[in-house]
Amino acid sequence: MHRIYRRSRFNPIWALIGINVLLFIFTLTAPRIILFFGLMPADVAVRPWTVLTCLFLHGSIGHILGNMITLYFFGRYLWALVGDKRFFIAYFVGGILGSVCYILLAPPLSISIGASGAVFAVGGVLTMMRPKLKVLVFPIPVPIPLWAAVIGGFVIISFFPNVAWQSHLGGLAFGLVMGYFWRRQERLYS
């Protein structure tokens, strides 16, 4: 048995999507914003805010669409499952730890942008809490287990050029750990 949280009028999923889309449109008109708010490991001591601000910038229409569609579907389910506070913990702490992982593992002069670390954290939590949940993943014509979609997505996307796999790894690892503990708590209280 699991608890479904009563939703307030505030919808964090739509709020995050809205902020990301607005900043993406703004970035199209002022692309230099990426240099100031994107995460560069060599520059993080001078611009520490980029550990968080990089989560709200995207480099292409495909980049933002992929992240926001995934956030919408996984985020809605997780938000209903754990409520506002835990959803925000998963999203923001996972995104920030994804940034930390990027700082530690990426080339010093590379730049990371995108919500992928945070989205992988959401997917990781959901994977641990509902591993047998079936999802549709384009172009696969049949539902597959969520764990296979999330882990498989991570592995496949990591081979694409110019992908911050380090951020994905940090977010996913945090999400899997948090999901494990939240699932244990859920079992204790049901």
Protein backbone atom coordinates (compact mmCIF):
# COMPACT_ATOMS: atom_id res chain seq x y z
CA MET A 1 0.00 0.00 0.00
CA HIS A 2 1.31 3.46 -0.78
CA ARG A 3 0.19 6.92 0.09
CA ILE A 4 -1.06 9.27 -2.62
CA TYR A 5 -0.42 12.83 -1.56
CA ARG A 6 -3.15 15.39 -1.87
CA ARG A 7 -2.03 17.89 -4.42
CA SER A 8 -2.10 21.59 -3.76
CA ARG A 9 -2.97 24.14 -6.39
CA PHE A 10 0.76 24.58 -6.95
CA ASN A 11 2.03 22.05 -9.46
CA PRO A 12 5.83 21.75 -9.22
CA ILE A 13 6.07 19.84 -12.49
CA TRP A 14 4.40 22.56 -14.56
CA ALA A 15 6.35 25.24 -12.66
CA LEU A 16 9.69 23.59 -13.47
CA ILE A 17 8.70 23.01 -17.09
CA GLY A 18 7.54 26.63 -17.40
CA ILE A 19 10.77 28.04 -15.95
CA ASN A 20 12.88 25.82 -18.19
CA VAL A 21 10.93 26.75 -21.33
CA LEU A 22 11.02 30.49 -20.54
CA LEU A 23 14.77 30.38 -19.93
CA PHE A 24 15.28 28.34 -23.10
CA ILE A 25 13.44 31.01 -25.12
CA PHE A 26 15.48 33.71 -23.39
CA THR A 27 18.68 31.80 -24.15
CA LEU A 28 17.76 31.73 -27.84
CA THR A 29 17.78 35.53 -27.84
CA ALA A 30 20.88 35.83 -25.60
CA PRO A 31 23.02 32.70 -26.05
CA ARG A 32 25.91 34.19 -24.04
CA ILE A 33 23.84 33.54 -20.93
CA ILE A 34 25.04 29.93 -21.14
CA LEU A 35 28.63 31.10 -20.57
CA PHE A 36 27.60 32.93 -17.40
CA PHE A 37 25.10 30.43 -15.95
CA GLY A 38 26.40 27.14 -17.40
CA LEU A 39 28.58 24.94 -15.20
CA MET A 40 32.31 24.93 -16.01
CA PRO A 41 34.41 22.86 -13.56
CA ALA A 42 37.44 25.16 -13.85
CA ASP A 43 35.30 28.20 -13.03
CA VAL A 44 33.02 26.90 -10.27
CA ALA A 45 34.97 28.53 -7.42
CA VAL A 46 34.37 31.93 -9.04
CA ARG A 47 30.79 31.19 -10.15
CA PRO A 48 29.38 28.75 -7.56
CA TRP A 49 25.76 29.52 -8.51
CA THR A 50 26.29 27.60 -11.74
CA VAL A 51 25.97 24.33 -9.78
CA LEU A 52 22.24 25.17 -9.67
CA THR A 53 21.63 27.54 -12.59
CA CYS A 54 22.93 25.05 -15.16
CA LEU A 55 19.87 22.91 -14.40
CA PHE A 56 17.60 25.49 -16.05
CA LEU A 57 19.44 25.99 -19.35
CA HIS A 58 19.22 23.84 -22.47
CA GLY A 59 21.18 23.88 -25.70
CA SER A 60 18.65 22.75 -28.28
CA ILE A 61 14.98 22.04 -28.86
CA GLY A 62 15.66 18.28 -28.67
CA HIS A 63 17.53 18.74 -25.40
CA ILE A 64 14.74 20.61 -23.65
CA LEU A 65 11.97 18.45 -25.16
CA GLY A 66 13.62 15.23 -24.01
CA ASN A 67 14.16 16.52 -20.48
CA MET A 68 10.77 18.15 -20.07
CA ILE A 69 8.76 15.25 -21.51
CA THR A 70 10.60 12.84 -19.20
CA LEU A 71 10.14 15.21 -16.26
CA TYR A 72 6.42 15.47 -17.01
CA PHE A 73 5.77 11.72 -17.04
CA PHE A 74 8.18 10.55 -14.33
CA GLY A 75 7.74 13.69 -12.24
CA ARG A 76 3.93 13.50 -12.13
CA TYR A 77 4.05 9.96 -10.87
CA LEU A 78 6.77 10.60 -8.30
CA TRP A 79 5.11 13.80 -7.06
CA ALA A 80 1.82 11.92 -6.47
CA LEU A 81 3.77 9.19 -4.69
CA VAL A 82 5.98 11.25 -2.36
CA GLY A 83 4.52 14.77 -2.19
CA ASP A 84 5.99 18.22 -2.74
CA LYS A 85 8.85 18.18 -0.24
CA ARG A 86 10.34 14.84 -1.26
CA PHE A 87 9.82 15.59 -4.94
CA PHE A 88 11.83 18.80 -4.60
CA ILE A 89 14.52 16.98 -2.62
CA ALA A 90 14.83 14.37 -5.38
CA TYR A 91 14.88 16.98 -8.15
CA PHE A 92 17.15 19.65 -6.70
CA VAL A 93 19.52 17.60 -4.56
CA GLY A 94 19.83 15.09 -7.41
CA GLY A 95 20.50 17.89 -9.89
CA ILE A 96 23.09 19.53 -7.64
CA LEU A 97 24.84 16.22 -6.97
CA GLY A 98 24.82 15.66 -10.73
CA SER A 99 26.64 19.00 -11.03
CA VAL A 100 29.13 17.96 -8.35
CA CYS A 101 29.79 14.71 -10.20
CA TYR A 102 30.32 16.75 -13.39
CA ILE A 103 32.82 19.00 -11.61
CA LEU A 104 34.75 15.95 -10.38
CA LEU A 105 34.74 13.90 -13.60
CA ALA A 106 34.44 16.23 -16.60
CA PRO A 107 37.20 18.11 -18.43
CA PRO A 108 37.84 21.41 -16.56
CA LEU A 109 36.96 23.70 -19.49
CA SER A 110 33.79 21.91 -20.58
CA ILE A 111 30.35 23.41 -19.94
CA SER A 112 27.33 21.53 -18.63
CA ILE A 113 23.74 22.70 -19.05
CA GLY A 114 20.42 20.92 -18.75
CA ALA A 115 18.06 19.37 -16.24
CA SER A 116 19.16 15.84 -17.07
CA GLY A 117 20.90 15.18 -13.75
CA ALA A 118 17.75 16.24 -11.88
CA VAL A 119 15.52 14.26 -14.24
CA PHE A 120 17.70 11.16 -13.82
CA ALA A 121 17.42 11.62 -10.04
CA VAL A 122 13.61 11.60 -10.36
CA GLY A 123 13.85 8.52 -12.58
CA GLY A 124 16.21 6.84 -10.11
CA VAL A 125 13.88 7.39 -7.15
CA LEU A 126 10.93 6.11 -9.14
CA THR A 127 12.96 3.11 -10.35
CA MET A 128 13.66 2.03 -6.78
CA MET A 129 10.16 2.74 -5.51
CA ARG A 130 8.26 1.19 -8.44
CA PRO A 131 10.73 -0.96 -10.43
CA LYS A 132 8.05 -3.05 -12.13
CA LEU A 133 6.06 -0.05 -13.35
CA LYS A 134 5.59 -0.42 -17.12
CA VAL A 135 6.39 2.54 -19.36
CA LEU A 136 6.33 3.22 -23.07
CA VAL A 137 9.60 4.41 -24.58
CA PHE A 138 9.71 5.61 -28.16
CA PRO A 139 10.36 3.74 -30.52
CA ILE A 140 9.84 0.50 -28.56
CA PRO A 141 6.27 -0.63 -29.39
CA VAL A 142 5.58 -2.45 -26.09
CA PRO A 143 5.70 -1.35 -22.44
CA ILE A 144 8.95 -2.13 -20.63
CA PRO A 145 9.80 -2.08 -16.91
CA LEU A 146 10.72 1.37 -15.62
CA TRP A 147 14.09 0.17 -14.33
CA ALA A 148 15.04 -0.99 -17.84
CA ALA A 149 13.97 2.33 -19.36
CA VAL A 150 15.90 4.43 -16.85
CA ILE A 151 19.08 2.34 -16.71
CA GLY A 152 18.98 1.62 -20.45
CA GLY A 153 18.36 5.30 -21.20
CA PHE A 154 21.36 6.26 -19.10
CA VAL A 155 23.64 3.76 -20.85
CA ILE A 156 22.47 4.68 -24.37
CA ILE A 157 22.53 8.45 -23.85
CA SER A 158 25.99 8.26 -22.29
CA PHE A 159 27.45 7.30 -25.68
CA PHE A 160 26.05 10.36 -27.48
CA PRO A 161 28.62 13.06 -28.21
CA ASN A 162 28.54 16.23 -26.07
CA VAL A 163 26.44 14.59 -23.36
CA ALA A 164 27.23 15.36 -19.71
CA TRP A 165 27.04 11.71 -18.65
CA GLN A 166 28.76 12.71 -15.41
CA SER A 167 25.70 14.78 -14.39
CA HIS A 168 23.40 11.95 -15.37
CA LEU A 169 25.46 9.52 -13.29
CA GLY A 170 25.41 11.75 -10.20
CA GLY A 171 21.68 12.37 -10.43
CA LEU A 172 20.85 8.74 -11.10
CA ALA A 173 23.06 7.45 -8.26
CA PHE A 174 21.45 9.88 -5.80
CA GLY A 175 17.97 8.95 -7.05
CA LEU A 176 18.59 5.22 -6.67
CA VAL A 177 19.88 5.66 -3.12
CA MET A 178 17.04 7.99 -2.08
CA GLY A 179 14.48 5.72 -3.71
CA TYR A 180 15.86 2.75 -1.81
CA PHE A 181 15.48 4.52 1.54
CA TRP A 182 12.06 5.98 0.73
CA ARG A 183 10.84 2.57 -0.40
CA ARG A 184 12.02 1.05 2.91
CA GLN A 185 10.20 3.78 4.84
CA GLU A 186 7.10 3.20 2.75
CA ARG A 187 7.15 -0.51 3.62
CA LEU A 188 7.64 0.21 7.33
CA TYR A 189 4.60 2.50 7.49
CA SER A 190 2.21 0.47 5.35
